[in-house]
């Protein structure tokens, strides 16, 4: 696989790492962290809609915060653990969408 990691300040020359991370991260971990970030963006959008409609999910807020920490350089290079968080994030997003749907609120995300 090829790699482009731009997630940290450690990248050589202030540019993204393209072969292997300066931190030791490989291409699989970099891509799984990117996928987690995209998952968190979608979850956050749905969670914000829920909050605007009176649904407060502290467990989701905590999950988002903890998952962001997982992507910090040198914290977690376990790609399977990162994928587990991706799947959990998708499940949480779907739970919230169902809660909103039960209130008659349609969510496009």
PDB file of N, CA and C in Angstrom:
ATOM      1  N   UNK A   1       0.838  -1.190   0.000  1.00  0.00           N
ATOM      2  CA  UNK A   1       0.000   0.000   0.000  1.00  0.00           C
ATOM      3  C   UNK A   1       0.875   1.242   0.000  1.00  0.00           C
ATOM      4  N   UNK A   2       0.352   2.300  -0.549  1.00  0.00           N
ATOM      5  CA  UNK A   2       1.048   3.576  -0.431  1.00  0.00           C
ATOM      6  C   UNK A   2       0.491   4.324   0.771  1.00  0.00           C
ATOM      7  N   UNK A   3       1.187   5.338   1.185  1.00  0.00           N
ATOM      8  CA  UNK A   3       0.802   6.028   2.417  1.00  0.00           C
ATOM      9  C   UNK A   3       0.912   7.528   2.229  1.00  0.00           C
ATOM     10  N   UNK A   4      -0.020   8.221   2.811  1.00  0.00           N
ATOM     11  CA  UNK A   4       0.128   9.660   2.995  1.00  0.00           C
ATOM     12  C   UNK A   4      -0.482   9.982   4.343  1.00  0.00           C
ATOM     13  N   UNK A   5       0.351  10.313   5.293  1.00  0.00           N
ATOM     14  CA  UNK A   5      -0.104  10.630   6.640  1.00  0.00           C
ATOM     15  C   UNK A   5       0.234  12.076   6.937  1.00  0.00           C
ATOM     16  N   UNK A   6      -0.772  12.833   7.285  1.00  0.00           N
ATOM     17  CA  UNK A   6      -0.595  14.254   7.587  1.00  0.00           C
ATOM     18  C   UNK A   6      -1.152  14.572   8.963  1.00  0.00           C
ATOM     19  N   UNK A   7      -1.190  13.575   9.830  1.00  0.00           N
ATOM     20  CA  UNK A   7      -1.888  13.704  11.103  1.00  0.00           C
ATOM     21  C   UNK A   7      -1.061  14.313  12.223  1.00  0.00           C
ATOM     22  N   UNK A   8       0.215  14.569  12.014  1.00  0.00           N
ATOM     23  CA  UNK A   8       0.984  15.051  13.158  1.00  0.00           C
ATOM     24  C   UNK A   8       2.014  16.094  12.770  1.00  0.00           C
ATOM     25  N   UNK A   9       2.604  16.676  13.777  1.00  0.00           N
ATOM     26  CA  UNK A   9       3.628  17.684  13.586  1.00  0.00           C
ATOM     27  C   UNK A   9       5.000  17.049  13.381  1.00  0.00           C
ATOM     28  N   UNK A  10       5.087  15.748  13.513  1.00  0.00           N
ATOM     29  CA  UNK A  10       6.384  15.083  13.413  1.00  0.00           C
ATOM     30  C   UNK A  10       6.793  14.788  11.975  1.00  0.00           C
ATOM     31  N   UNK A  11       5.908  14.995  11.021  1.00  0.00           N
ATOM     32  CA  UNK A  11       6.219  14.675   9.631  1.00  0.00           C
ATOM     33  C   UNK A  11       7.474  15.427   9.189  1.00  0.00           C
ATOM     34  N   UNK A  12       8.375  14.712   8.535  1.00  0.00           N
ATOM     35  CA  UNK A  12       9.658  15.289   8.123  1.00  0.00           C
ATOM     36  C   UNK A  12       9.463  16.493   7.215  1.00  0.00           C
ATOM     37  N   UNK A  13      10.148  17.573   7.519  1.00  0.00           N
ATOM     38  CA  UNK A  13      10.087  18.766   6.685  1.00  0.00           C
ATOM     39  C   UNK A  13       8.756  19.482   6.726  1.00  0.00           C
ATOM     40  N   UNK A  14       7.920  19.158   7.699  1.00  0.00           N
ATOM     41  CA  UNK A  14       6.612  19.812   7.793  1.00  0.00           C
ATOM     42  C   UNK A  14       5.625  19.341   6.733  1.00  0.00           C
ATOM     43  N   UNK A  15       5.913  18.214   6.085  1.00  0.00           N
ATOM     44  CA  UNK A  15       5.030  17.645   5.057  1.00  0.00           C
ATOM     45  C   UNK A  15       4.579  16.276   5.516  1.00  0.00           C
ATOM     46  N   UNK A  16       3.541  15.757   4.897  1.00  0.00           N
ATOM     47  CA  UNK A  16       3.038  14.440   5.273  1.00  0.00           C
ATOM     48  C   UNK A  16       4.023  13.325   4.963  1.00  0.00           C
ATOM     49  N   UNK A  17       4.000  12.286   5.766  1.00  0.00           N
ATOM     50  CA  UNK A  17       4.855  11.119   5.539  1.00  0.00           C
ATOM     51  C   UNK A  17       4.258  10.280   4.412  1.00  0.00           C
ATOM     52  N   UNK A  18       5.110   9.753   3.531  1.00  0.00           N
ATOM     53  CA  UNK A  18       4.584   9.028   2.385  1.00  0.00           C
ATOM     54  C   UNK A  18       5.070   7.584   2.273  1.00  0.00           C
ATOM     55  N   UNK A  19       6.085   7.181   3.015  1.00  0.00           N
ATOM     56  CA  UNK A  19       6.543   5.795   2.980  1.00  0.00           C
ATOM     57  C   UNK A  19       6.232   5.090   4.291  1.00  0.00           C
ATOM     58  N   UNK A  20       6.638   5.713   5.354  1.00  0.00           N
ATOM     59  CA  UNK A  20       6.374   5.241   6.716  1.00  0.00           C
ATOM     60  C   UNK A  20       6.412   6.476   7.583  1.00  0.00           C
ATOM     61  N   UNK A  21       5.556   6.510   8.574  1.00  0.00           N
ATOM     62  CA  UNK A  21       5.515   7.676   9.427  1.00  0.00           C
ATOM     63  C   UNK A  21       6.805   7.874  10.194  1.00  0.00           C
ATOM     64  N   UNK A  22       7.206   9.117  10.385  1.00  0.00           N
ATOM     65  CA  UNK A  22       8.353   9.437  11.229  1.00  0.00           C
ATOM     66  C   UNK A  22       8.146   8.817  12.610  1.00  0.00           C
ATOM     67  N   UNK A  23       6.884   8.725  13.014  1.00  0.00           N
ATOM     68  CA  UNK A  23       6.526   8.179  14.326  1.00  0.00           C
ATOM     69  C   UNK A  23       6.572   6.655  14.351  1.00  0.00           C
ATOM     70  N   UNK A  24       6.705   6.016  13.175  1.00  0.00           N
ATOM     71  CA  UNK A  24       6.717   4.559  13.119  1.00  0.00           C
ATOM     72  C   UNK A  24       5.421   3.973  12.593  1.00  0.00           C
ATOM     73  N   UNK A  25       4.432   4.802  12.350  1.00  0.00           N
ATOM     74  CA  UNK A  25       3.129   4.351  11.855  1.00  0.00           C
ATOM     75  C   UNK A  25       3.272   3.807  10.437  1.00  0.00           C
ATOM     76  N   UNK A  26       2.566   2.705  10.153  1.00  0.00           N
ATOM     77  CA  UNK A  26       2.596   2.168   8.798  1.00  0.00           C
ATOM     78  C   UNK A  26       1.367   2.636   8.006  1.00  0.00           C
ATOM     79  N   UNK A  27       1.307   2.271   6.742  1.00  0.00           N
ATOM     80  CA  UNK A  27       0.235   2.727   5.866  1.00  0.00           C
ATOM     81  C   UNK A  27      -1.139   2.232   6.300  1.00  0.00           C
ATOM     82  N   UNK A  28      -1.235   1.018   6.824  1.00  0.00           N
ATOM     83  CA  UNK A  28      -2.527   0.476   7.246  1.00  0.00           C
ATOM     84  C   UNK A  28      -3.084   1.273   8.418  1.00  0.00           C
ATOM     85  N   UNK A  29      -2.237   1.578   9.379  1.00  0.00           N
ATOM     86  CA  UNK A  29      -2.677   2.357  10.542  1.00  0.00           C
ATOM     87  C   UNK A  29      -3.087   3.765  10.115  1.00  0.00           C
ATOM     88  N   UNK A  30      -2.302   4.393   9.253  1.00  0.00           N
ATOM     89  CA  UNK A  30      -2.634   5.743   8.789  1.00  0.00           C
ATOM     90  C   UNK A  30      -4.001   5.755   8.110  1.00  0.00           C
ATOM     91  N   UNK A  31      -4.257   4.780   7.263  1.00  0.00           N
ATOM     92  CA  UNK A  31      -5.543   4.721   6.552  1.00  0.00           C
ATOM     93  C   UNK A  31      -6.698   4.389   7.498  1.00  0.00           C
ATOM     94  N   UNK A  32      -6.456   3.515   8.467  1.00  0.00           N
ATOM     95  CA  UNK A  32      -7.530   3.190   9.413  1.00  0.00           C
ATOM     96  C   UNK A  32      -7.843   4.400  10.293  1.00  0.00           C
ATOM     97  N   UNK A  33      -6.826   5.180  10.649  1.00  0.00           N
ATOM     98  CA  UNK A  33      -7.081   6.407  11.416  1.00  0.00           C
ATOM     99  C   UNK A  33      -7.851   7.424  10.574  1.00  0.00           C
ATOM    100  N   UNK A  34      -7.536   7.520   9.290  1.00  0.00           N
ATOM    101  CA  UNK A  34      -8.309   8.404   8.403  1.00  0.00           C
ATOM    102  C   UNK A  34      -9.773   7.962   8.368  1.00  0.00           C
ATOM    103  N   UNK A  35      -9.997   6.655   8.242  1.00  0.00           N
ATOM    104  CA  UNK A  35     -11.363   6.137   8.210  1.00  0.00           C
ATOM    105  C   UNK A  35     -12.092   6.458   9.515  1.00  0.00           C
ATOM    106  N   UNK A  36     -11.407   6.323  10.626  1.00  0.00           N
ATOM    107  CA  UNK A  36     -12.007   6.673  11.908  1.00  0.00           C
ATOM    108  C   UNK A  36     -12.381   8.154  11.944  1.00  0.00           C
ATOM    109  N   UNK A  37     -11.519   9.009  11.424  1.00  0.00           N
ATOM    110  CA  UNK A  37     -11.825  10.443  11.412  1.00  0.00           C
ATOM    111  C   UNK A  37     -13.076  10.733  10.573  1.00  0.00           C
ATOM    112  N   UNK A  38     -13.193  10.114   9.408  1.00  0.00           N
ATOM    113  CA  UNK A  38     -14.386  10.309   8.575  1.00  0.00           C
ATOM    114  C   UNK A  38     -15.636   9.797   9.288  1.00  0.00           C
ATOM    115  N   UNK A  39     -15.500   8.665   9.971  1.00  0.00           N
ATOM    116  CA  UNK A  39     -16.621   8.115  10.736  1.00  0.00           C
ATOM    117  C   UNK A  39     -17.041   9.081  11.838  1.00  0.00           C
ATOM    118  N   UNK A  40     -16.067   9.657  12.528  1.00  0.00           N
ATOM    119  CA  UNK A  40     -16.364  10.595  13.609  1.00  0.00           C
ATOM    120  C   UNK A  40     -17.021  11.867  13.085  1.00  0.00           C
ATOM    121  N   UNK A  41     -16.634  12.312  11.911  1.00  0.00           N
ATOM    122  CA  UNK A  41     -17.273  13.494  11.323  1.00  0.00           C
ATOM    123  C   UNK A  41     -18.753  13.230  11.082  1.00  0.00           C
ATOM    124  N   UNK A  42     -19.072  12.082  10.502  1.00  0.00           N
ATOM    125  CA  UNK A  42     -20.477  11.738  10.255  1.00  0.00           C
ATOM    126  C   UNK A  42     -21.256  11.557  11.543  1.00  0.00           C
ATOM    127  N   UNK A  43     -20.658  10.883  12.509  1.00  0.00           N
ATOM    128  CA  UNK A  43     -21.301  10.692  13.810  1.00  0.00           C
ATOM    129  C   UNK A  43     -21.550  12.033  14.484  1.00  0.00           C
ATOM    130  N   UNK A  44     -20.583  12.923  14.409  1.00  0.00           N
ATOM    131  CA  UNK A  44     -20.719  14.237  15.036  1.00  0.00           C
ATOM    132  C   UNK A  44     -21.858  15.037  14.418  1.00  0.00           C
ATOM    133  N   UNK A  45     -22.003  14.950  13.107  1.00  0.00           N
ATOM    134  CA  UNK A  45     -23.086  15.672  12.435  1.00  0.00           C
ATOM    135  C   UNK A  45     -24.453  15.171  12.899  1.00  0.00           C
ATOM    136  N   UNK A  46     -24.603  13.851  12.972  1.00  0.00           N
ATOM    137  CA  UNK A  46     -25.872  13.274  13.420  1.00  0.00           C
ATOM    138  C   UNK A  46     -26.093  13.579  14.892  1.00  0.00           C
ATOM    139  N   UNK A  47     -25.035  13.524  15.693  1.00  0.00           N
ATOM    140  CA  UNK A  47     -25.143  13.813  17.120  1.00  0.00           C
ATOM    141  C   UNK A  47     -25.551  15.265  17.358  1.00  0.00           C
ATOM    142  N   UNK A  48     -25.032  16.172  16.554  1.00  0.00           N
ATOM    143  CA  UNK A  48     -25.415  17.582  16.665  1.00  0.00           C
ATOM    144  C   UNK A  48     -26.897  17.762  16.337  1.00  0.00           C
ATOM    145  N   UNK A  49     -27.369  17.104  15.296  1.00  0.00           N
ATOM    146  CA  UNK A  49     -28.798  17.156  14.959  1.00  0.00           C
ATOM    147  C   UNK A  49     -29.629  16.617  16.112  1.00  0.00           C
ATOM    148  N   UNK A  50     -29.151  15.554  16.736  1.00  0.00           N
ATOM    149  CA  UNK A  50     -29.865  14.987  17.884  1.00  0.00           C
ATOM    150  C   UNK A  50     -29.939  15.993  19.024  1.00  0.00           C
ATOM    151  N   UNK A  51     -28.828  16.633  19.323  1.00  0.00           N
ATOM    152  CA  UNK A  51     -28.807  17.625  20.410  1.00  0.00           C
ATOM    153  C   UNK A  51     -29.763  18.779  20.115  1.00  0.00           C
ATOM    154  N   UNK A  52     -29.787  19.197  18.868  1.00  0.00           N
ATOM    155  CA  UNK A  52     -30.687  20.288  18.472  1.00  0.00           C
ATOM    156  C   UNK A  52     -32.154  19.892  18.620  1.00  0.00           C
ATOM    157  N   UNK A  53     -32.403  18.596  18.691  1.00  0.00           N
ATOM    158  CA  UNK A  53     -33.764  18.095  18.816  1.00  0.00           C
ATOM    159  C   UNK A  53     -34.019  17.416  20.156  1.00  0.00           C
ATOM    160  N   UNK A  54     -33.230  17.791  21.160  1.00  0.00           N
ATOM    161  CA  UNK A  54     -33.488  17.351  22.528  1.00  0.00           C
ATOM    162  C   UNK A  54     -32.986  15.970  22.900  1.00  0.00           C
ATOM    163  N   UNK A  55     -32.131  15.377  22.079  1.00  0.00           N
ATOM    164  CA  UNK A  55     -31.574  14.061  22.401  1.00  0.00           C
ATOM    165  C   UNK A  55     -30.119  14.260  22.805  1.00  0.00           C
ATOM    166  N   UNK A  56     -29.825  14.001  24.065  1.00  0.00           N
ATOM    167  CA  UNK A  56     -28.462  14.146  24.584  1.00  0.00           C
ATOM    168  C   UNK A  56     -27.885  12.771  24.829  1.00  0.00           C
ATOM    169  N   UNK A  57     -26.795  12.447  24.157  1.00  0.00           N
ATOM    170  CA  UNK A  57     -26.143  11.152  24.315  1.00  0.00           C
ATOM    171  C   UNK A  57     -24.732  11.370  24.835  1.00  0.00           C
ATOM    172  N   UNK A  58     -24.587  11.339  26.158  1.00  0.00           N
ATOM    173  CA  UNK A  58     -23.268  11.528  26.765  1.00  0.00           C
ATOM    174  C   UNK A  58     -22.300  10.428  26.347  1.00  0.00           C
ATOM    175  N   UNK A  59     -22.828   9.213  26.116  1.00  0.00           N
ATOM    176  CA  UNK A  59     -21.961   8.110  25.691  1.00  0.00           C
ATOM    177  C   UNK A  59     -21.342   8.394  24.321  1.00  0.00           C
ATOM    178  N   UNK A  60     -22.090   9.073  23.454  1.00  0.00           N
ATOM    179  CA  UNK A  60     -21.582   9.409  22.128  1.00  0.00           C
ATOM    180  C   UNK A  60     -20.529  10.508  22.239  1.00  0.00           C
ATOM    181  N   UNK A  61     -20.796  11.508  23.064  1.00  0.00           N
ATOM    182  CA  UNK A  61     -19.800  12.565  23.274  1.00  0.00           C
ATOM    183  C   UNK A  61     -18.484  11.973  23.762  1.00  0.00           C
ATOM    184  N   UNK A  62     -18.565  11.049  24.711  1.00  0.00           N
ATOM    185  CA  UNK A  62     -17.378  10.407  25.274  1.00  0.00           C
ATOM    186  C   UNK A  62     -16.680   9.553  24.208  1.00  0.00           C
ATOM    187  N   UNK A  63     -17.471   8.822  23.416  1.00  0.00           N
ATOM    188  CA  UNK A  63     -16.896   7.994  22.357  1.00  0.00           C
ATOM    189  C   UNK A  63     -16.126   8.848  21.348  1.00  0.00           C
ATOM    190  N   UNK A  64     -16.698   9.979  20.957  1.00  0.00           N
ATOM    191  CA  UNK A  64     -16.033  10.865  19.999  1.00  0.00           C
ATOM    192  C   UNK A  64     -14.720  11.373  20.578  1.00  0.00           C
ATOM    193  N   UNK A  65     -14.744  11.823  21.805  1.00  0.00           N
ATOM    194  CA  UNK A  65     -13.538  12.356  22.444  1.00  0.00           C
ATOM    195  C   UNK A  65     -12.454  11.278  22.559  1.00  0.00           C
ATOM    196  N   UNK A  66     -12.830  10.096  23.017  1.00  0.00           N
ATOM    197  CA  UNK A  66     -11.856   9.019  23.162  1.00  0.00           C
ATOM    198  C   UNK A  66     -11.313   8.574  21.795  1.00  0.00           C
ATOM    199  N   UNK A  67     -12.163   8.564  20.789  1.00  0.00           N
ATOM    200  CA  UNK A  67     -11.731   8.142  19.457  1.00  0.00           C
ATOM    201  C   UNK A  67     -10.785   9.155  18.831  1.00  0.00           C
ATOM    202  N   UNK A  68     -11.016  10.424  19.085  1.00  0.00           N
ATOM    203  CA  UNK A  68     -10.066  11.433  18.600  1.00  0.00           C
ATOM    204  C   UNK A  68      -8.692  11.207  19.221  1.00  0.00           C
ATOM    205  N   UNK A  69      -8.667  10.839  20.484  1.00  0.00           N
ATOM    206  CA  UNK A  69      -7.401  10.571  21.161  1.00  0.00           C
ATOM    207  C   UNK A  69      -6.677   9.394  20.523  1.00  0.00           C
ATOM    208  N   UNK A  70      -7.428   8.408  20.028  1.00  0.00           N
ATOM    209  CA  UNK A  70      -6.831   7.236  19.386  1.00  0.00           C
ATOM    210  C   UNK A  70      -6.001   7.634  18.174  1.00  0.00           C
ATOM    211  N   UNK A  71      -6.360   8.734  17.525  1.00  0.00           N
ATOM    212  CA  UNK A  71      -5.652   9.128  16.304  1.00  0.00           C
ATOM    213  C   UNK A  71      -4.412   9.980  16.567  1.00  0.00           C
ATOM    214  N   UNK A  72      -4.175  10.341  17.820  1.00  0.00           N
ATOM    215  CA  UNK A  72      -2.985  11.130  18.143  1.00  0.00           C
ATOM    216  C   UNK A  72      -1.746  10.265  17.920  1.00  0.00           C
ATOM    217  N   UNK A  73      -0.719  10.851  17.351  1.00  0.00           N
ATOM    218  CA  UNK A  73       0.511  10.133  17.036  1.00  0.00           C
ATOM    219  C   UNK A  73       1.059   9.390  18.255  1.00  0.00           C
ATOM    220  N   UNK A  74       1.495   8.184  18.004  1.00  0.00           N
ATOM    221  CA  UNK A  74       2.146   7.322  18.991  1.00  0.00           C
ATOM    222  C   UNK A  74       1.213   6.836  20.106  1.00  0.00           C
ATOM    223  N   UNK A  75      -0.079   6.920  19.905  1.00  0.00           N
ATOM    224  CA  UNK A  75      -1.010   6.457  20.925  1.00  0.00           C
ATOM    225  C   UNK A  75      -1.494   5.045  20.617  1.00  0.00           C
ATOM    226  N   UNK A  76      -1.868   4.782  19.382  1.00  0.00           N
ATOM    227  CA  UNK A  76      -2.465   3.494  19.063  1.00  0.00           C
ATOM    228  C   UNK A  76      -2.104   3.102  17.634  1.00  0.00           C
ATOM    229  N   UNK A  77      -1.290   2.080  17.486  1.00  0.00           N
ATOM    230  CA  UNK A  77      -0.940   1.574  16.160  1.00  0.00           C
ATOM    231  C   UNK A  77      -1.630   0.235  15.887  1.00  0.00           C
ATOM    232  N   UNK A  78      -2.643  -0.095  16.641  1.00  0.00           N
ATOM    233  CA  UNK A  78      -3.378  -1.349  16.489  1.00  0.00           C
ATOM    234  C   UNK A  78      -4.536  -1.118  15.512  1.00  0.00           C
ATOM    235  N   UNK A  79      -4.321  -1.461  14.240  1.00  0.00           N
ATOM    236  CA  UNK A  79      -5.334  -1.173  13.222  1.00  0.00           C
ATOM    237  C   UNK A  79      -6.654  -1.879  13.505  1.00  0.00           C
ATOM    238  N   UNK A  80      -6.637  -3.077  14.071  1.00  0.00           N
ATOM    239  CA  UNK A  80      -7.899  -3.775  14.357  1.00  0.00           C
ATOM    240  C   UNK A  80      -8.685  -3.064  15.468  1.00  0.00           C
ATOM    241  N   UNK A  81      -7.996  -2.535  16.453  1.00  0.00           N
ATOM    242  CA  UNK A  81      -8.675  -1.771  17.506  1.00  0.00           C
ATOM    243  C   UNK A  81      -9.281  -0.500  16.925  1.00  0.00           C
ATOM    244  N   UNK A  82      -8.595   0.098  15.967  1.00  0.00           N
ATOM    245  CA  UNK A  82      -9.120   1.306  15.319  1.00  0.00           C
ATOM    246  C   UNK A  82     -10.352   0.948  14.496  1.00  0.00           C
ATOM    247  N   UNK A  83     -10.297  -0.165  13.751  1.00  0.00           N
ATOM    248  CA  UNK A  83     -11.464  -0.599  12.974  1.00  0.00           C
ATOM    249  C   UNK A  83     -12.648  -0.905  13.886  1.00  0.00           C
ATOM    250  N   UNK A  84     -12.384  -1.480  15.055  1.00  0.00           N
ATOM    251  CA  UNK A  84     -13.467  -1.728  16.019  1.00  0.00           C
ATOM    252  C   UNK A  84     -14.160  -0.418  16.385  1.00  0.00           C
ATOM    253  N   UNK A  85     -13.387   0.646  16.556  1.00  0.00           N
ATOM    254  CA  UNK A  85     -13.969   1.953  16.876  1.00  0.00           C
ATOM    255  C   UNK A  85     -14.763   2.486  15.692  1.00  0.00           C
ATOM    256  N   UNK A  86     -14.298   2.232  14.485  1.00  0.00           N
ATOM    257  CA  UNK A  86     -15.041   2.648  13.291  1.00  0.00           C
ATOM    258  C   UNK A  86     -16.423   1.985  13.299  1.00  0.00           C
ATOM    259  N   UNK A  87     -16.449   0.672  13.506  1.00  0.00           N
ATOM    260  CA  UNK A  87     -17.721  -0.042  13.515  1.00  0.00           C
ATOM    261  C   UNK A  87     -18.625   0.429  14.653  1.00  0.00           C
ATOM    262  N   UNK A  88     -18.041   0.673  15.815  1.00  0.00           N
ATOM    263  CA  UNK A  88     -18.829   1.182  16.943  1.00  0.00           C
ATOM    264  C   UNK A  88     -19.394   2.566  16.621  1.00  0.00           C
ATOM    265  N   UNK A  89     -18.598   3.402  15.982  1.00  0.00           N
ATOM    266  CA  UNK A  89     -19.069   4.727  15.592  1.00  0.00           C
ATOM    267  C   UNK A  89     -20.232   4.653  14.615  1.00  0.00           C
ATOM    268  N   UNK A  90     -20.139   3.748  13.661  1.00  0.00           N
ATOM    269  CA  UNK A  90     -21.233   3.568  12.693  1.00  0.00           C
ATOM    270  C   UNK A  90     -22.487   3.087  13.412  1.00  0.00           C
ATOM    271  N   UNK A  91     -22.335   2.151  14.340  1.00  0.00           N
ATOM    272  CA  UNK A  91     -23.494   1.665  15.101  1.00  0.00           C
ATOM    273  C   UNK A  91     -24.132   2.774  15.927  1.00  0.00           C
ATOM    274  N   UNK A  92     -23.305   3.595  16.587  1.00  0.00           N
ATOM    275  CA  UNK A  92     -23.838   4.713  17.362  1.00  0.00           C
ATOM    276  C   UNK A  92     -24.579   5.698  16.460  1.00  0.00           C
ATOM    277  N   UNK A  93     -24.002   5.977  15.285  1.00  0.00           N
ATOM    278  CA  UNK A  93     -24.657   6.880  14.328  1.00  0.00           C
ATOM    279  C   UNK A  93     -26.038   6.347  13.947  1.00  0.00           C
ATOM    280  N   UNK A  94     -26.120   5.054  13.674  1.00  0.00           N
ATOM    281  CA  UNK A  94     -27.399   4.464  13.278  1.00  0.00           C
ATOM    282  C   UNK A  94     -28.403   4.480  14.435  1.00  0.00           C
ATOM    283  N   UNK A  95     -27.928   4.265  15.660  1.00  0.00           N
ATOM    284  CA  UNK A  95     -28.812   4.360  16.832  1.00  0.00           C
ATOM    285  C   UNK A  95     -29.421   5.755  16.930  1.00  0.00           C
ATOM    286  N   UNK A  96     -28.596   6.768  16.780  1.00  0.00           N
ATOM    287  CA  UNK A  96     -29.081   8.146  16.879  1.00  0.00           C
ATOM    288  C   UNK A  96     -30.050   8.443  15.743  1.00  0.00           C
ATOM    289  N   UNK A  97     -29.713   8.001  14.539  1.00  0.00           N
ATOM    290  CA  UNK A  97     -30.621   8.223  13.407  1.00  0.00           C
ATOM    291  C   UNK A  97     -31.976   7.579  13.668  1.00  0.00           C
ATOM    292  N   UNK A  98     -31.973   6.387  14.262  1.00  0.00           N
ATOM    293  CA  UNK A  98     -33.242   5.727  14.596  1.00  0.00           C
ATOM    294  C   UNK A  98     -34.008   6.489  15.668  1.00  0.00           C
ATOM    295  N   UNK A  99     -33.290   7.030  16.651  1.00  0.00           N
ATOM    296  CA  UNK A  99     -33.945   7.848  17.678  1.00  0.00           C
ATOM    297  C   UNK A  99     -34.597   9.071  17.040  1.00  0.00           C
ATOM    298  N   UNK A 100     -33.872   9.707  16.140  1.00  0.00           N
ATOM    299  CA  UNK A 100     -34.413  10.886  15.456  1.00  0.00           C
ATOM    300  C   UNK A 100     -35.606  10.505  14.594  1.00  0.00           C
ATOM    301  N   UNK A 101     -35.476   9.389  13.901  1.00  0.00           N
ATOM    302  CA  UNK A 101     -36.563   8.922  13.035  1.00  0.00           C
ATOM    303  C   UNK A 101     -37.826   8.649  13.854  1.00  0.00           C
ATOM    304  N   UNK A 102     -37.651   8.110  15.071  1.00  0.00           N
ATOM    305  CA  UNK A 102     -38.807   7.829  15.928  1.00  0.00           C
ATOM    306  C   UNK A 102     -39.508   9.113  16.373  1.00  0.00           C
ATOM    307  N   UNK A 103     -38.780  10.238  16.317  1.00  0.00           N
ATOM    308  CA  UNK A 103     -39.367  11.545  16.631  1.00  0.00           C
ATOM    309  C   UNK A 103     -39.878  12.247  15.372  1.00  0.00           C
ATOM    310  N   UNK A 104     -39.814  11.555  14.225  1.00  0.00           N
ATOM    311  CA  UNK A 104     -40.279  12.132  12.986  1.00  0.00           C
ATOM    312  C   UNK A 104     -39.279  13.051  12.310  1.00  0.00           C
ATOM    313  N   UNK A 105     -38.010  12.932  12.690  1.00  0.00           N
ATOM    314  CA  UNK A 105     -36.960  13.787  12.117  1.00  0.00           C
ATOM    315  C   UNK A 105     -36.124  12.956  11.154  1.00  0.00           C
ATOM    316  N   UNK A 106     -36.080  13.395   9.903  1.00  0.00           N
ATOM    317  CA  UNK A 106     -35.320  12.673   8.884  1.00  0.00           C
ATOM    318  C   UNK A 106     -33.890  13.192   8.865  1.00  0.00           C
ATOM    319  N   UNK A 107     -32.940  12.278   8.824  1.00  0.00           N
ATOM    320  CA  UNK A 107     -31.533  12.637   8.799  1.00  0.00           C
ATOM    321  C   UNK A 107     -30.929  12.104   7.509  1.00  0.00           C
ATOM    322  N   UNK A 108     -30.230  12.945   6.789  1.00  0.00           N
ATOM    323  CA  UNK A 108     -29.647  12.572   5.512  1.00  0.00           C
ATOM    324  C   UNK A 108     -28.294  11.880   5.654  1.00  0.00           C
ATOM    325  N   UNK A 109     -27.613  12.039   6.791  1.00  0.00           N
ATOM    326  CA  UNK A 109     -26.253  11.493   6.958  1.00  0.00           C
ATOM    327  C   UNK A 109     -26.286  10.012   7.207  1.00  0.00           C
TER     328      UNK A 109
END
